Amino acid sequence: MTRVSVVEERGSFRLVAGDGRFAVVEARAGQVFGLPDDSGGGRDGAADTPDGMASVAHWTGEEEARALMRDLSERGDRLARQLR
């Protein structure tokens, strides 16, 4: 099993690392979901544990995962400003 650690957290998004690979997951209501969404728009959740994060992660390189994390965080910040 992949040993997963949280590298960075912004709101509900987490940049995680495991075995030299990186991914972004979203944590909500005790579950984690892999990002980006599946091509059909669905996402299977898992328990908010290291094993759960490993099971839903869409593993990639660090640069790509950090870019996704930045994009998601910026979108979330813009949405929060609009809702005020």
N, C-alpha and C. Protein backbone atom coordinates (compact mmCIF):
# COMPACT_ATOMS: atom_id res chain seq x y z
N MET A 1 0.85 -1.19 0.00
CA MET A 1 0.00 0.00 0.00
C MET A 1 0.89 1.24 0.00
N THR A 2 0.46 2.26 -0.71
CA THR A 2 1.18 3.52 -0.80
C THR A 2 1.10 4.27 0.52
N ARG A 3 2.22 4.72 1.01
CA ARG A 3 2.26 5.54 2.23
C ARG A 3 2.00 6.99 1.80
N VAL A 4 0.93 7.59 2.29
CA VAL A 4 0.49 8.91 1.85
C VAL A 4 0.71 9.94 2.95
N SER A 5 1.20 11.12 2.55
CA SER A 5 1.32 12.22 3.50
C SER A 5 0.75 13.48 2.86
N VAL A 6 0.18 14.35 3.69
CA VAL A 6 -0.38 15.62 3.22
C VAL A 6 0.76 16.63 3.16
N VAL A 7 0.96 17.19 1.97
CA VAL A 7 2.03 18.16 1.74
C VAL A 7 1.53 19.58 1.98
N GLU A 8 0.29 19.84 1.57
CA GLU A 8 -0.28 21.19 1.66
C GLU A 8 -1.79 21.05 1.75
N GLU A 9 -2.41 21.98 2.46
CA GLU A 9 -3.86 21.97 2.60
C GLU A 9 -4.39 23.39 2.41
N ARG A 10 -5.38 23.53 1.54
CA ARG A 10 -6.03 24.83 1.31
C ARG A 10 -7.53 24.59 1.27
N GLY A 11 -8.23 25.06 2.28
CA GLY A 11 -9.66 24.81 2.36
C GLY A 11 -9.91 23.31 2.40
N SER A 12 -10.75 22.82 1.51
CA SER A 12 -11.05 21.39 1.49
C SER A 12 -10.10 20.59 0.60
N PHE A 13 -9.16 21.27 -0.04
CA PHE A 13 -8.24 20.61 -0.96
C PHE A 13 -6.92 20.25 -0.27
N ARG A 14 -6.41 19.08 -0.62
CA ARG A 14 -5.13 18.63 -0.08
C ARG A 14 -4.22 18.16 -1.20
N LEU A 15 -2.99 18.62 -1.16
CA LEU A 15 -1.95 18.09 -2.03
C LEU A 15 -1.29 16.97 -1.24
N VAL A 16 -1.31 15.77 -1.79
CA VAL A 16 -0.76 14.62 -1.08
C VAL A 16 0.36 14.00 -1.89
N ALA A 17 1.26 13.32 -1.18
CA ALA A 17 2.40 12.66 -1.81
C ALA A 17 2.48 11.23 -1.33
N GLY A 18 2.95 10.38 -2.22
CA GLY A 18 3.15 8.98 -1.87
C GLY A 18 4.05 8.30 -2.88
N ASP A 19 5.10 7.70 -2.41
CA ASP A 19 6.02 6.95 -3.28
C ASP A 19 6.54 7.78 -4.45
N GLY A 20 6.84 9.06 -4.19
CA GLY A 20 7.39 9.92 -5.23
C GLY A 20 6.37 10.46 -6.22
N ARG A 21 5.10 10.18 -5.97
CA ARG A 21 4.02 10.69 -6.84
C ARG A 21 3.18 11.67 -6.03
N PHE A 22 2.38 12.46 -6.74
CA PHE A 22 1.56 13.50 -6.10
C PHE A 22 0.15 13.45 -6.65
N ALA A 23 -0.79 13.95 -5.84
CA ALA A 23 -2.20 14.01 -6.25
C ALA A 23 -2.89 15.09 -5.44
N VAL A 24 -4.06 15.48 -5.90
CA VAL A 24 -4.91 16.41 -5.15
C VAL A 24 -6.19 15.67 -4.82
N VAL A 25 -6.60 15.78 -3.56
CA VAL A 25 -7.86 15.20 -3.12
C VAL A 25 -8.67 16.29 -2.43
N GLU A 26 -9.97 16.08 -2.36
CA GLU A 26 -10.85 16.99 -1.65
C GLU A 26 -11.46 16.24 -0.48
N ALA A 27 -11.43 16.85 0.69
CA ALA A 27 -11.98 16.24 1.90
C ALA A 27 -13.29 16.95 2.27
N ARG A 28 -14.34 16.14 2.39
CA ARG A 28 -15.65 16.68 2.79
C ARG A 28 -16.40 15.62 3.59
N ALA A 29 -16.96 16.03 4.71
CA ALA A 29 -17.85 15.18 5.50
C ALA A 29 -17.24 13.81 5.82
N GLY A 30 -15.97 13.81 6.21
CA GLY A 30 -15.32 12.57 6.60
C GLY A 30 -14.90 11.66 5.47
N GLN A 31 -15.03 12.16 4.23
CA GLN A 31 -14.62 11.39 3.07
C GLN A 31 -13.63 12.19 2.24
N VAL A 32 -12.89 11.49 1.40
CA VAL A 32 -12.00 12.15 0.45
C VAL A 32 -12.37 11.71 -0.95
N PHE A 33 -12.12 12.62 -1.90
CA PHE A 33 -12.48 12.40 -3.30
C PHE A 33 -11.29 12.79 -4.16
N GLY A 34 -11.00 11.98 -5.16
CA GLY A 34 -9.89 12.27 -6.07
C GLY A 34 -10.24 13.38 -7.03
N LEU A 35 -9.25 14.17 -7.40
CA LEU A 35 -9.42 15.25 -8.35
C LEU A 35 -8.36 15.10 -9.44
N PRO A 36 -8.63 15.50 -10.67
CA PRO A 36 -9.92 16.04 -11.11
C PRO A 36 -10.98 14.95 -11.14
N ASP A 37 -12.23 15.38 -11.33
CA ASP A 37 -13.35 14.44 -11.40
C ASP A 37 -13.10 13.43 -12.51
N ASP A 38 -13.75 12.30 -12.40
CA ASP A 38 -13.70 11.33 -13.49
C ASP A 38 -14.33 11.94 -14.73
N SER A 39 -14.00 11.42 -15.90
CA SER A 39 -14.48 12.00 -17.15
C SER A 39 -16.01 12.05 -17.22
N GLY A 40 -16.69 11.13 -16.56
CA GLY A 40 -18.15 11.13 -16.54
C GLY A 40 -18.74 12.04 -15.48
N GLY A 41 -17.87 12.73 -14.72
CA GLY A 41 -18.34 13.66 -13.71
C GLY A 41 -18.54 13.02 -12.35
N GLY A 42 -18.42 11.71 -12.26
CA GLY A 42 -18.63 11.04 -10.98
C GLY A 42 -17.35 10.93 -10.19
N ARG A 43 -17.51 10.83 -8.89
CA ARG A 43 -16.36 10.64 -8.01
C ARG A 43 -16.76 9.67 -6.92
N ASP A 44 -15.97 8.64 -6.76
CA ASP A 44 -16.17 7.73 -5.65
C ASP A 44 -15.39 8.25 -4.46
N GLY A 45 -16.03 8.26 -3.30
CA GLY A 45 -15.36 8.71 -2.10
C GLY A 45 -14.79 7.55 -1.32
N ALA A 46 -13.94 7.88 -0.37
CA ALA A 46 -13.34 6.89 0.52
C ALA A 46 -13.20 7.55 1.89
N ALA A 47 -12.95 6.75 2.89
CA ALA A 47 -12.75 7.28 4.24
C ALA A 47 -11.57 8.25 4.25
N ASP A 48 -11.66 9.27 5.08
CA ASP A 48 -10.62 10.29 5.19
C ASP A 48 -9.47 9.74 6.04
N THR A 49 -8.73 8.83 5.45
CA THR A 49 -7.56 8.20 6.06
C THR A 49 -6.46 8.14 5.02
N PRO A 50 -5.24 7.87 5.43
CA PRO A 50 -4.18 7.72 4.41
C PRO A 50 -4.51 6.65 3.38
N ASP A 51 -5.05 5.51 3.81
CA ASP A 51 -5.43 4.47 2.85
C ASP A 51 -6.54 4.95 1.93
N GLY A 52 -7.50 5.70 2.47
CA GLY A 52 -8.59 6.24 1.65
C GLY A 52 -8.07 7.21 0.61
N MET A 53 -7.14 8.10 1.04
CA MET A 53 -6.56 9.04 0.08
C MET A 53 -5.82 8.30 -1.02
N ALA A 54 -5.08 7.27 -0.66
CA ALA A 54 -4.34 6.49 -1.67
C ALA A 54 -5.29 5.82 -2.66
N SER A 55 -6.46 5.39 -2.18
CA SER A 55 -7.38 4.67 -3.06
C SER A 55 -8.10 5.56 -4.06
N VAL A 56 -8.24 6.87 -3.77
CA VAL A 56 -8.96 7.76 -4.70
C VAL A 56 -8.02 8.68 -5.48
N ALA A 57 -6.74 8.70 -5.12
CA ALA A 57 -5.79 9.62 -5.73
C ALA A 57 -5.62 9.35 -7.22
N HIS A 58 -5.52 10.42 -7.99
CA HIS A 58 -5.17 10.36 -9.40
C HIS A 58 -3.69 10.78 -9.46
N TRP A 59 -2.80 9.82 -9.28
CA TRP A 59 -1.37 10.10 -9.13
C TRP A 59 -0.77 10.71 -10.39
N THR A 60 0.13 11.68 -10.17
CA THR A 60 0.79 12.39 -11.25
C THR A 60 2.13 12.91 -10.74
N GLY A 61 2.78 13.71 -11.54
CA GLY A 61 4.03 14.34 -11.12
C GLY A 61 3.75 15.53 -10.22
N GLU A 62 4.78 15.97 -9.51
CA GLU A 62 4.62 17.07 -8.56
C GLU A 62 4.18 18.36 -9.24
N GLU A 63 4.80 18.71 -10.36
CA GLU A 63 4.48 19.98 -11.04
C GLU A 63 3.00 20.02 -11.46
N GLU A 64 2.52 18.94 -12.04
CA GLU A 64 1.12 18.89 -12.48
C GLU A 64 0.16 18.95 -11.29
N ALA A 65 0.47 18.25 -10.22
CA ALA A 65 -0.39 18.26 -9.04
C ALA A 65 -0.41 19.64 -8.39
N ARG A 66 0.75 20.28 -8.31
CA ARG A 66 0.79 21.63 -7.71
C ARG A 66 0.01 22.63 -8.57
N ALA A 67 0.08 22.50 -9.89
CA ALA A 67 -0.68 23.38 -10.78
C ALA A 67 -2.18 23.18 -10.56
N LEU A 68 -2.63 21.93 -10.43
CA LEU A 68 -4.04 21.65 -10.17
C LEU A 68 -4.45 22.24 -8.83
N MET A 69 -3.61 22.09 -7.81
CA MET A 69 -3.90 22.64 -6.49
C MET A 69 -4.06 24.15 -6.56
N ARG A 70 -3.15 24.83 -7.26
CA ARG A 70 -3.24 26.29 -7.43
C ARG A 70 -4.54 26.68 -8.12
N ASP A 71 -4.86 25.98 -9.21
CA ASP A 71 -6.07 26.30 -9.97
C ASP A 71 -7.32 26.13 -9.11
N LEU A 72 -7.43 25.02 -8.41
CA LEU A 72 -8.60 24.78 -7.58
C LEU A 72 -8.72 25.79 -6.45
N SER A 73 -7.59 26.14 -5.85
CA SER A 73 -7.59 27.12 -4.76
C SER A 73 -8.01 28.50 -5.24
N GLU A 74 -7.50 28.89 -6.41
CA GLU A 74 -7.87 30.20 -6.97
C GLU A 74 -9.34 30.24 -7.31
N ARG A 75 -9.87 29.17 -7.89
CA ARG A 75 -11.31 29.13 -8.20
C ARG A 75 -12.13 29.22 -6.93
N GLY A 76 -11.73 28.52 -5.89
CA GLY A 76 -12.44 28.56 -4.62
C GLY A 76 -12.41 29.94 -4.00
N ASP A 77 -11.26 30.62 -4.07
CA ASP A 77 -11.14 31.98 -3.54
C ASP A 77 -12.05 32.94 -4.30
N ARG A 78 -12.08 32.82 -5.64
CA ARG A 78 -12.95 33.70 -6.44
C ARG A 78 -14.42 33.47 -6.10
N LEU A 79 -14.82 32.21 -5.97
CA LEU A 79 -16.20 31.89 -5.64
C LEU A 79 -16.56 32.45 -4.27
N ALA A 80 -15.68 32.32 -3.30
CA ALA A 80 -15.95 32.83 -1.95
C ALA A 80 -16.15 34.35 -1.98
N ARG A 81 -15.34 35.06 -2.77
CA ARG A 81 -15.50 36.51 -2.87
C ARG A 81 -16.84 36.88 -3.52
N GLN A 82 -17.28 36.10 -4.50
CA GLN A 82 -18.55 36.38 -5.17
C GLN A 82 -19.74 36.14 -4.25
N LEU A 83 -19.62 35.21 -3.33
CA LEU A 83 -20.74 34.84 -2.47
C LEU A 83 -20.89 35.78 -1.27
N ARG A 84 -19.93 36.63 -1.03
CA ARG A 84 -20.01 37.54 0.12
C ARG A 84 -21.05 38.58 -0.05
